[in-house]
Structure formats: structure tokens, C-alpha cells
């Protein structure tokens, strides 16, 4: 089998950062495509790999937000052809499995091996010195090239920049959908969003687009709070949950929030308890972010849920359907109803990936983006 060489950022284990190395990449097999990436979003989920909070198989090529051009295709590929511009969805959508056929593409069974990067035939496409490397979420967008399932690509119109498109494969629909679909925000609601990064900023936008009266952000970083209000439509922002709770109680005359959406870097038990206490009768807490691997984030007395008929639920990909919602969100971007350029605080080269994640953890970025060399 023919192979090409690709430059990639690889995690070999937790707490040691990203290693830049050259890998061998196989040709695509049946229903697979090889993509030359132009841009890759720097999502916090990849940082959870190197932080030890994501139970993945090592070594792992990072990156699950990406956009680029189809370089070649394997047998029986029908969705795209060589030369097509595409955005990758970190959850594939085959359209035929039970979740897909019932309107839940965000739970497509083709995403079975997201944590190992292994393909459904039990093999890998990245290799080095006889060792197999997985691609995170079966993508690996921290590589100049990657082989991915055709079910994980969505055609991209010519007028959408690759940097923007890369974010619509994860962070944008995850945040926006967490408000619009998973939470089900309605006109006049009061919504609290914990965390105003790349996902939370889009939860704010989704809540406002759905008609929320109050969109309250909780984030300890001044820059993120200010941007949430000045740019993405939050009505108020606070550094701590107690401050937000006091405001929400006052502005709703004690009814409290209709929805609290959890999009911080890592969900903690303290955050979840604060969110539940901030949620009023019949309200909902929607958890989108993950927690630390060794900690239990949801530990709530049942009476706190029953007495106010509160709900706590998880949301994957914001309940979005990639084949429908990625083009839909790009349409909202075109019409000016969804701000995506403003999400990108800074761009980086692939070799600067460790610097990029230091900036993310230091609260300097809403979203960083890797721009691959052409």
C-alpha cells in the first residue's frame, strides 16, 4: 500500500504536551477520504488528552476541528470527490444507522472509536516505525494530512474561509445547539452560561438567537466576560456563581433561571451544585463540558431535583445533526446572525501547538486556530 509523509502533533501520554513528528499515512480504504487540512481549531477537548482527563489510546494524533480539501478518495465514496472543500464533523453521520435515521446524527454508531482513532475494520491509518497511531475522534486534524471516514466530512461552500469552517465542526454547533436544541431556550427565558470560551460563546449566541431575555455569563476571566457582553450578546457577566445567583434571583423576582448551560473547561461538583441552586421550578441544567477523570461532577441530592422538578442532562454536539446543522449555521454566519470571525483570537502554526494551549489555559483566547502550511 502506498503511503505519504505528514507532519503532526502527537500525544504519547498525559502531562507531557504535544510532540511534533513526521508520520506515515496510508491511502484511504473503502468509504474513506484523505484530506489536506488548511485549518484546525484548538478545542479544549484536545487539551483534556494531554491533561489526563480523556481516556484515550496513546499515541494519539490530536485535533478534531478541521477543514481542508479532499486530496484522494477510496472505493465507493459518494459524498465528496477529490478537490472538494470540506469541513470535518468530529461525530460522523452515516445517515443510515438507528440514531441517524431517527434524527440523532450526533450519536451515529460510526463514531464508535473516537477515543482510539481506530477504524471500523480494526486498523489504523497513521503509523511510525511499525507503531499504529490513532487520530482523535477518528480525525487527527493536528496533522497536515489525515484519512477519515467519508461520513465525517461535510461539503464546504467556496465563500467560507477554512479557519471559520474548522470551528463549525465542533465548538460552534456544540455551544449553539446546547442552547437552542438541548436546553430548548425559548423567548423571554433567563439563561446562565458557565464558561465563555469557544463553546460557551456560541451557547450565548444560541440563547440570544432563541429569544432569551437575560443571558448571564459566569467566567473568572475578565477578557472572556467582556467579550461575551460586547460581542456575543450576553446581557450580564459575573466572575463567580454566587454573584450571578444574586443577580438572577433579583432580576427574576425569585423565580431563578430557566436554563443553566455548563460549558467551562472542566465541570466540577461545586459548579453543578451552584447551577442546580440557580435553576428555578421546571428548569434545566444542560452539561456540555466534561469533568476531570478522577472526580465525580454530578452529586446532587434527589430532593433538590424533585422539589422544583429540575432536570440535569448531558448534551453531545449540542444535539445537532451535522449534515443539517453545519450548513444551517454557515447560513446564519452569512446573514450576520452568527458571529464566527470574532471567535478567533489568534492563529498559530502547527509547531506552535503547545504555545497555543498555554494561551488557552491562561485565558488569553476565545478560540485559537492552527493554520497549516499550504
Protein backbone atom coordinates (compact mmCIF):
# COMPACT_ATOMS: atom_id res chain seq x y z
CA UNK A 1 0.00 0.00 0.00
CA UNK A 2 1.28 3.48 -0.91
CA UNK A 3 1.86 5.96 1.90
CA UNK A 4 2.67 9.64 2.22
CA UNK A 5 4.52 11.51 4.96
CA UNK A 6 2.66 14.02 7.11
CA UNK A 7 3.76 16.37 9.88
CA UNK A 8 1.62 16.02 13.00
CA UNK A 9 1.24 16.91 16.68
CA UNK A 10 1.07 13.72 18.75
CA UNK A 11 0.25 12.97 22.39
CA UNK A 12 2.19 10.00 23.73
CA UNK A 13 0.72 10.19 27.22
CA UNK A 14 -0.72 12.62 29.76
CA UNK A 15 1.16 15.60 31.21
CA UNK A 16 3.91 15.73 28.56
CA UNK A 17 2.36 18.04 25.98
CA UNK A 18 2.33 17.64 22.21
CA UNK A 19 5.23 16.20 20.26
CA UNK A 20 5.79 17.32 16.66
CA UNK A 21 6.81 14.45 14.43
CA UNK A 22 6.50 13.02 10.92
CA UNK A 23 4.20 10.04 10.40
CA UNK A 24 3.39 7.67 7.59
CA UNK A 25 -0.19 7.94 6.33
CA UNK A 26 -1.91 5.18 4.36
CA UNK A 27 -4.10 5.57 1.31
CA UNK A 28 -7.84 5.76 2.05
CA UNK A 29 -9.79 2.50 2.05
CA UNK A 30 -13.44 1.93 1.21
CA UNK A 31 -15.68 4.85 2.24
CA UNK A 32 -12.62 6.84 3.34
CA UNK A 33 -11.06 10.07 2.10
CA UNK A 34 -7.66 11.67 2.54
CA UNK A 35 -7.79 15.35 3.41
CA UNK A 36 -5.15 18.04 3.19
CA UNK A 37 -6.04 20.26 6.12
CA UNK A 38 -5.91 24.03 5.82
CA UNK A 39 -7.04 24.88 9.37
CA UNK A 40 -7.69 23.18 12.69
CA UNK A 41 -9.48 24.58 15.72
CA UNK A 42 -7.78 24.34 19.11
CA UNK A 43 -10.56 22.91 21.25
CA UNK A 44 -10.27 22.30 24.98
CA UNK A 45 -11.20 18.64 24.44
CA UNK A 46 -7.76 18.03 22.93
CA UNK A 47 -6.19 19.63 25.98
CA UNK A 48 -8.01 17.05 28.11
CA UNK A 49 -5.91 14.39 26.35
CA UNK A 50 -2.60 15.86 27.49
CA UNK A 51 -4.07 16.78 30.89
CA UNK A 52 -5.01 13.16 31.53
CA UNK A 53 -8.77 13.80 31.67
CA UNK A 54 -9.65 11.98 28.44
CA UNK A 55 -9.47 8.16 28.46
CA UNK A 56 -7.82 7.69 25.06
CA UNK A 57 -5.46 5.20 23.48
CA UNK A 58 -1.92 6.51 23.04
CA UNK A 59 -0.18 7.53 20.87
CA UNK A 60 -2.82 9.88 19.54
CA UNK A 61 -2.71 12.49 16.79
CA UNK A 62 -4.59 15.48 18.19
CA UNK A 63 -7.25 17.64 16.64
CA UNK A 64 -10.93 17.14 15.91
CA UNK A 65 -11.90 20.50 14.37
CA UNK A 66 -10.66 20.74 10.81
CA UNK A 67 -11.33 21.97 7.30
CA UNK A 68 -9.46 21.47 4.07
CA UNK A 69 -9.51 19.87 0.64
CA UNK A 70 -10.15 16.26 -0.33
CA UNK A 71 -6.85 15.02 -1.78
CA UNK A 72 -7.92 11.48 -2.71
CA UNK A 73 -10.76 9.03 -2.06
CA UNK A 74 -11.08 5.30 -1.54
CA UNK A 75 -13.51 2.94 -3.25
CA UNK A 76 -17.27 3.57 -3.15
CA UNK A 77 -17.06 7.13 -1.81
CA UNK A 78 -20.11 9.11 -2.90
CA UNK A 79 -20.37 12.12 -0.57
CA UNK A 80 -17.34 14.02 -1.91
CA UNK A 81 -14.70 13.84 -4.64
CA UNK A 82 -11.03 14.92 -4.96
CA UNK A 83 -10.71 18.69 -4.95
CA UNK A 84 -13.80 19.31 -2.86
CA UNK A 85 -13.58 21.74 0.05
CA UNK A 86 -14.87 20.11 3.24
CA UNK A 87 -15.35 20.62 6.95
CA UNK A 88 -14.95 17.64 9.25
CA UNK A 89 -17.59 16.76 11.81
CA UNK A 90 -16.00 15.24 14.89
CA UNK A 91 -19.02 12.95 15.06
CA UNK A 92 -19.69 11.20 11.74
CA UNK A 93 -23.14 10.99 10.23
CA UNK A 94 -23.72 7.93 8.08
CA UNK A 95 -27.43 8.66 7.69
CA UNK A 96 -28.44 5.01 7.91
CA UNK A 97 -27.90 3.76 11.47
CA UNK A 98 -30.64 3.89 14.10
CA UNK A 99 -29.55 7.21 15.66
CA UNK A 100 -29.08 8.87 12.27
CA UNK A 101 -32.35 7.57 10.85
CA UNK A 102 -34.26 8.86 13.88
CA UNK A 103 -32.81 12.37 13.71
CA UNK A 104 -29.92 11.92 16.14
CA UNK A 105 -26.84 12.10 13.92
CA UNK A 106 -24.85 13.34 16.92
CA UNK A 107 -24.91 9.74 18.19
CA UNK A 108 -24.07 7.97 14.91
CA UNK A 109 -22.68 4.49 15.50
CA UNK A 110 -19.80 5.20 13.08
CA UNK A 111 -18.26 7.28 15.88
CA UNK A 112 -17.60 4.14 17.92
CA UNK A 113 -13.82 4.52 18.13
CA UNK A 114 -13.45 8.24 18.85
CA UNK A 115 -11.13 7.58 21.79
CA UNK A 116 -8.76 5.28 19.93
CA UNK A 117 -8.83 6.59 16.38
CA UNK A 118 -9.14 3.04 15.10
CA UNK A 119 -11.24 2.49 12.00
CA UNK A 120 -14.23 0.17 11.99
CA UNK A 121 -12.20 -2.57 10.29
CA UNK A 122 -9.84 -2.66 13.30
CA UNK A 123 -6.91 -0.92 11.60
CA UNK A 124 -5.20 2.48 11.74
CA UNK A 125 -4.03 4.89 9.02
CA UNK A 126 -1.25 6.77 10.87
CA UNK A 127 1.99 4.82 11.54
CA UNK A 128 5.61 5.32 12.56
CA UNK A 129 8.34 2.71 12.97
CA UNK A 130 5.77 -0.07 12.92
CA UNK A 131 3.57 1.53 15.59
CA UNK A 132 -0.06 2.48 14.95
CA UNK A 133 -1.27 6.00 15.80
CA UNK A 134 -4.91 6.95 16.20
CA UNK A 135 -6.46 10.25 15.20
CA UNK A 136 -8.58 11.88 17.91
CA UNK A 137 -12.27 11.34 17.13
CA UNK A 138 -11.01 9.31 14.15
CA UNK A 139 -9.83 12.58 12.58
CA UNK A 140 -6.44 13.91 13.72
CA UNK A 141 -6.64 17.46 12.38
CA UNK A 142 -3.34 18.38 14.07
CA UNK A 143 -1.78 16.78 11.01
CA UNK A 144 -1.17 18.22 7.56
CA UNK A 145 -2.98 15.23 6.09
CA UNK A 146 -5.35 12.63 7.53
CA UNK A 147 -7.51 9.78 6.33
CA UNK A 148 -11.04 9.98 7.68
CA UNK A 149 -14.40 8.34 7.09
CA UNK A 150 -16.45 9.89 4.30
CA UNK A 151 -19.28 10.05 6.85
CA UNK A 152 -17.22 12.59 8.83
CA UNK A 153 -16.99 15.17 6.04
CA UNK A 154 -19.50 17.81 5.01
CA UNK A 155 -19.09 19.74 1.73
CA UNK A 156 -18.00 23.34 2.27
CA UNK A 157 -19.09 26.25 0.05
CA UNK A 158 -16.34 28.25 -1.65
CA UNK A 159 -17.15 31.50 0.17
CA UNK A 160 -16.46 30.18 3.69
CA UNK A 161 -12.85 30.60 4.94
CA UNK A 162 -11.21 27.41 6.18
CA UNK A 163 -10.42 28.97 9.57
CA UNK A 164 -14.11 29.68 10.14
CA UNK A 165 -15.21 26.32 8.77
CA UNK A 166 -12.96 24.38 11.13
CA UNK A 167 -14.86 25.72 14.15
CA UNK A 168 -18.21 24.64 12.75
CA UNK A 169 -17.13 21.01 13.07
CA UNK A 170 -17.34 21.08 16.88
CA UNK A 171 -17.29 24.22 19.03
CA UNK A 172 -19.93 26.25 17.22
CA UNK A 173 -22.69 23.61 16.93
CA UNK A 174 -21.84 22.21 20.37
CA UNK A 175 -22.41 25.57 22.04
CA UNK A 176 -25.19 26.91 19.85
CA UNK A 177 -27.08 23.62 19.90
CA UNK A 178 -26.69 23.27 23.66
CA UNK A 179 -28.85 26.37 23.98
CA UNK A 180 -31.23 26.01 21.04
CA UNK A 181 -31.74 22.25 20.96
CA UNK A 182 -30.53 20.55 24.14
CA UNK A 183 -31.69 23.20 26.60
CA UNK A 184 -34.58 24.32 24.42
CA UNK A 185 -34.29 28.02 25.20
CA UNK A 186 -37.42 29.98 24.36
CA UNK A 187 -38.34 33.63 24.01
CA UNK A 188 -38.25 35.50 27.31
CA UNK A 189 -36.17 32.90 29.17
CA UNK A 190 -33.40 33.63 31.63
CA UNK A 191 -30.28 31.63 30.76
CA UNK A 192 -27.00 31.28 32.64
CA UNK A 193 -23.89 30.05 30.81
CA UNK A 194 -20.92 28.80 32.84
CA UNK A 195 -17.76 29.39 30.78
CA UNK A 196 -17.37 31.87 27.94
CA UNK A 197 -14.75 30.19 25.76
CA UNK A 198 -15.13 28.73 22.30
CA UNK A 199 -18.19 26.65 23.20
CA UNK A 200 -19.77 28.96 25.77
CA UNK A 201 -19.63 31.98 23.44
CA UNK A 202 -21.76 30.05 20.99
CA UNK A 203 -24.16 28.95 23.73
CA UNK A 204 -24.58 32.67 24.44
CA UNK A 205 -25.26 33.35 20.76
CA UNK A 206 -27.71 30.47 20.56
CA UNK A 207 -29.61 31.61 23.64
CA UNK A 208 -29.93 35.15 22.33
CA UNK A 209 -30.98 33.94 18.88
CA UNK A 210 -33.66 31.78 20.52
CA UNK A 211 -35.02 34.88 22.22
CA UNK A 212 -33.74 34.73 25.79
CA UNK A 213 -34.40 37.90 27.74
CA UNK A 214 -31.44 37.51 30.09
CA UNK A 215 -28.21 35.73 29.11
CA UNK A 216 -25.90 35.70 32.12
CA UNK A 217 -22.28 34.53 31.81
CA UNK A 218 -20.17 33.18 34.64
CA UNK A 219 -16.44 33.17 33.93
CA UNK A 220 -13.44 34.14 36.07
CA UNK A 221 -11.53 35.69 33.14
CA UNK A 222 -12.15 39.42 32.60
CA UNK A 223 -11.43 39.27 28.87
CA UNK A 224 -13.95 36.49 28.27
CA UNK A 225 -16.67 38.20 30.30
CA UNK A 226 -16.16 41.47 28.45
CA UNK A 227 -16.22 39.75 25.05
CA UNK A 228 -19.34 37.78 25.94
CA UNK A 229 -21.20 41.04 26.58
CA UNK A 230 -19.65 43.32 23.96
CA UNK A 231 -19.55 40.84 21.09
CA UNK A 232 -21.67 37.71 21.53
CA UNK A 233 -24.85 39.05 23.12
CA UNK A 234 -24.65 38.28 26.83
CA UNK A 235 -26.70 40.74 28.85
CA UNK A 236 -24.69 40.39 32.07
CA UNK A 237 -21.47 38.70 33.18
CA UNK A 238 -20.04 37.79 36.58
CA UNK A 239 -16.79 36.33 37.84
CA UNK A 240 -18.41 33.86 40.24
CA UNK A 241 -21.54 31.77 40.65
CA UNK A 242 -22.67 33.49 43.90
CA UNK A 243 -22.62 36.89 42.15
CA UNK A 244 -24.62 35.50 39.25
CA UNK A 245 -27.09 33.79 41.58
CA UNK A 246 -27.75 37.02 43.44
CA UNK A 247 -28.41 38.86 40.19
CA UNK A 248 -30.61 36.12 38.72
CA UNK A 249 -32.71 35.93 41.88
CA UNK A 250 -33.19 39.69 41.88
CA UNK A 251 -33.93 40.15 38.19
CA UNK A 252 -36.44 37.25 38.07
CA UNK A 253 -38.17 38.16 41.34
CA UNK A 254 -37.04 34.90 42.86
CA UNK A 255 -38.11 32.63 40.02
CA UNK A 256 -34.46 31.91 39.14
CA UNK A 257 -33.08 30.73 35.79
CA UNK A 258 -34.98 28.72 33.22
CA UNK A 259 -31.74 27.17 31.97
CA UNK A 260 -28.15 26.84 33.09
CA UNK A 261 -25.73 25.62 30.45
CA UNK A 262 -22.37 24.22 31.56
CA UNK A 263 -19.52 24.93 29.11
CA UNK A 264 -16.44 25.54 31.31
CA UNK A 265 -13.03 23.99 30.70
CA UNK A 266 -13.92 21.25 33.20
CA UNK A 267 -17.16 20.74 35.11
CA UNK A 268 -16.84 20.32 38.87
CA UNK A 269 -19.26 19.20 41.57
CA UNK A 270 -19.24 22.71 43.00
CA UNK A 271 -20.27 24.16 39.63
CA UNK A 272 -23.08 21.66 39.13
CA UNK A 273 -24.47 22.27 42.62
CA UNK A 274 -24.34 26.02 42.02
CA UNK A 275 -26.11 25.54 38.69
CA UNK A 276 -28.88 23.45 40.26
CA UNK A 277 -29.42 26.02 43.01
CA UNK A 278 -29.63 28.76 40.36
CA UNK A 279 -32.29 26.88 38.36
CA UNK A 280 -35.93 27.61 39.06
CA UNK A 281 -39.04 25.43 39.00
CA UNK A 282 -39.22 23.26 35.91
CA UNK A 283 -35.78 24.46 34.85
CA UNK A 284 -32.96 22.52 33.28
CA UNK A 285 -29.20 22.21 33.75
CA UNK A 286 -27.51 21.18 30.49
CA UNK A 287 -23.97 19.80 30.83
CA UNK A 288 -21.85 20.11 27.70
CA UNK A 289 -18.30 20.18 29.09
CA UNK A 290 -16.56 17.15 30.59
CA UNK A 291 -15.11 16.88 34.08
CA UNK A 292 -11.82 15.69 35.50
CA UNK A 293 -11.38 11.95 35.01
CA UNK A 294 -10.88 11.21 38.71
CA UNK A 295 -13.71 13.39 40.03
CA UNK A 296 -17.48 12.97 40.15
CA UNK A 297 -19.05 16.17 38.91
CA UNK A 298 -22.72 15.29 39.39
CA UNK A 299 -23.58 14.51 43.00
CA UNK A 300 -26.92 16.10 43.80
CA UNK A 301 -29.48 15.20 46.46
CA UNK A 302 -32.60 13.87 44.72
CA UNK A 303 -34.80 16.23 46.71
CA UNK A 304 -33.11 19.20 45.02
CA UNK A 305 -34.41 17.89 41.70
CA UNK A 306 -37.81 16.65 42.77
CA UNK A 307 -38.91 19.64 44.83
CA UNK A 308 -38.51 22.08 41.92
CA UNK A 309 -38.92 19.46 39.18
CA UNK A 310 -35.48 20.37 37.89
CA UNK A 311 -33.66 18.40 35.22
CA UNK A 312 -29.96 17.67 34.66
CA UNK A 313 -29.00 16.34 31.26
CA UNK A 314 -25.94 15.89 29.10
CA UNK A 315 -25.60 17.21 25.56
CA UNK A 316 -23.39 15.75 22.82
CA UNK A 317 -22.59 18.02 19.87
CA UNK A 318 -25.38 20.24 21.16
CA UNK A 319 -27.96 17.72 19.89
CA UNK A 320 -27.06 18.96 16.40
CA UNK A 321 -27.33 16.90 13.22
CA UNK A 322 -24.07 17.55 11.30
CA UNK A 323 -25.46 17.18 7.78
CA UNK A 324 -28.26 19.65 8.50
CA UNK A 325 -26.88 21.99 11.14
CA UNK A 326 -23.37 22.66 9.81
CA UNK A 327 -24.78 24.20 6.57
CA UNK A 328 -27.51 25.89 8.62
CA UNK A 329 -25.01 27.57 10.93
CA UNK A 330 -22.89 28.68 7.97
CA UNK A 331 -26.06 30.25 6.57
CA UNK A 332 -26.57 32.16 9.80
CA UNK A 333 -22.95 33.30 9.57
CA UNK A 334 -23.54 34.59 6.04
CA UNK A 335 -26.63 36.52 7.14
CA UNK A 336 -24.81 38.12 10.07
CA UNK A 337 -26.88 36.30 12.69
CA UNK A 338 -23.94 34.22 13.97
CA UNK A 339 -20.56 35.77 14.73
CA UNK A 340 -17.72 33.41 13.90
CA UNK A 341 -14.81 35.64 12.85
CA UNK A 342 -14.89 37.14 16.34
CA UNK A 343 -14.33 33.72 17.94
CA UNK A 344 -10.77 33.52 16.60
CA UNK A 345 -8.48 35.39 18.95
CA UNK A 346 -5.23 34.23 17.35
CA UNK A 347 -3.89 31.85 14.71
CA UNK A 348 -0.86 29.58 15.16
CA UNK A 349 1.35 27.32 13.09
CA UNK A 350 1.23 23.60 13.83
CA UNK A 351 4.64 23.79 15.50
CA UNK A 352 3.21 26.34 17.97
CA UNK A 353 0.53 23.96 19.28
CA UNK A 354 1.97 23.82 22.81
CA UNK A 355 2.15 27.62 22.96
CA UNK A 356 -1.45 27.74 21.79
CA UNK A 357 -2.66 25.53 24.62
CA UNK A 358 -0.69 27.55 27.16
CA UNK A 359 -2.52 30.62 25.89
CA UNK A 360 -5.84 28.78 26.13
CA UNK A 361 -5.22 27.72 29.72
CA UNK A 362 -4.04 31.22 30.60
CA UNK A 363 -7.39 32.61 29.44
CA UNK A 364 -5.94 34.56 26.52
CA UNK A 365 -8.07 33.05 23.74
CA UNK A 366 -11.71 32.57 22.96
CA UNK A 367 -10.56 30.18 20.25
CA UNK A 368 -7.16 29.65 18.68
CA UNK A 369 -6.80 28.15 15.22
CA UNK A 370 -3.91 26.32 13.61
CA UNK A 371 -3.32 27.42 10.05
CA UNK A 372 -1.47 24.64 8.23
CA UNK A 373 1.22 25.48 5.74
CA UNK A 374 0.00 25.35 2.17
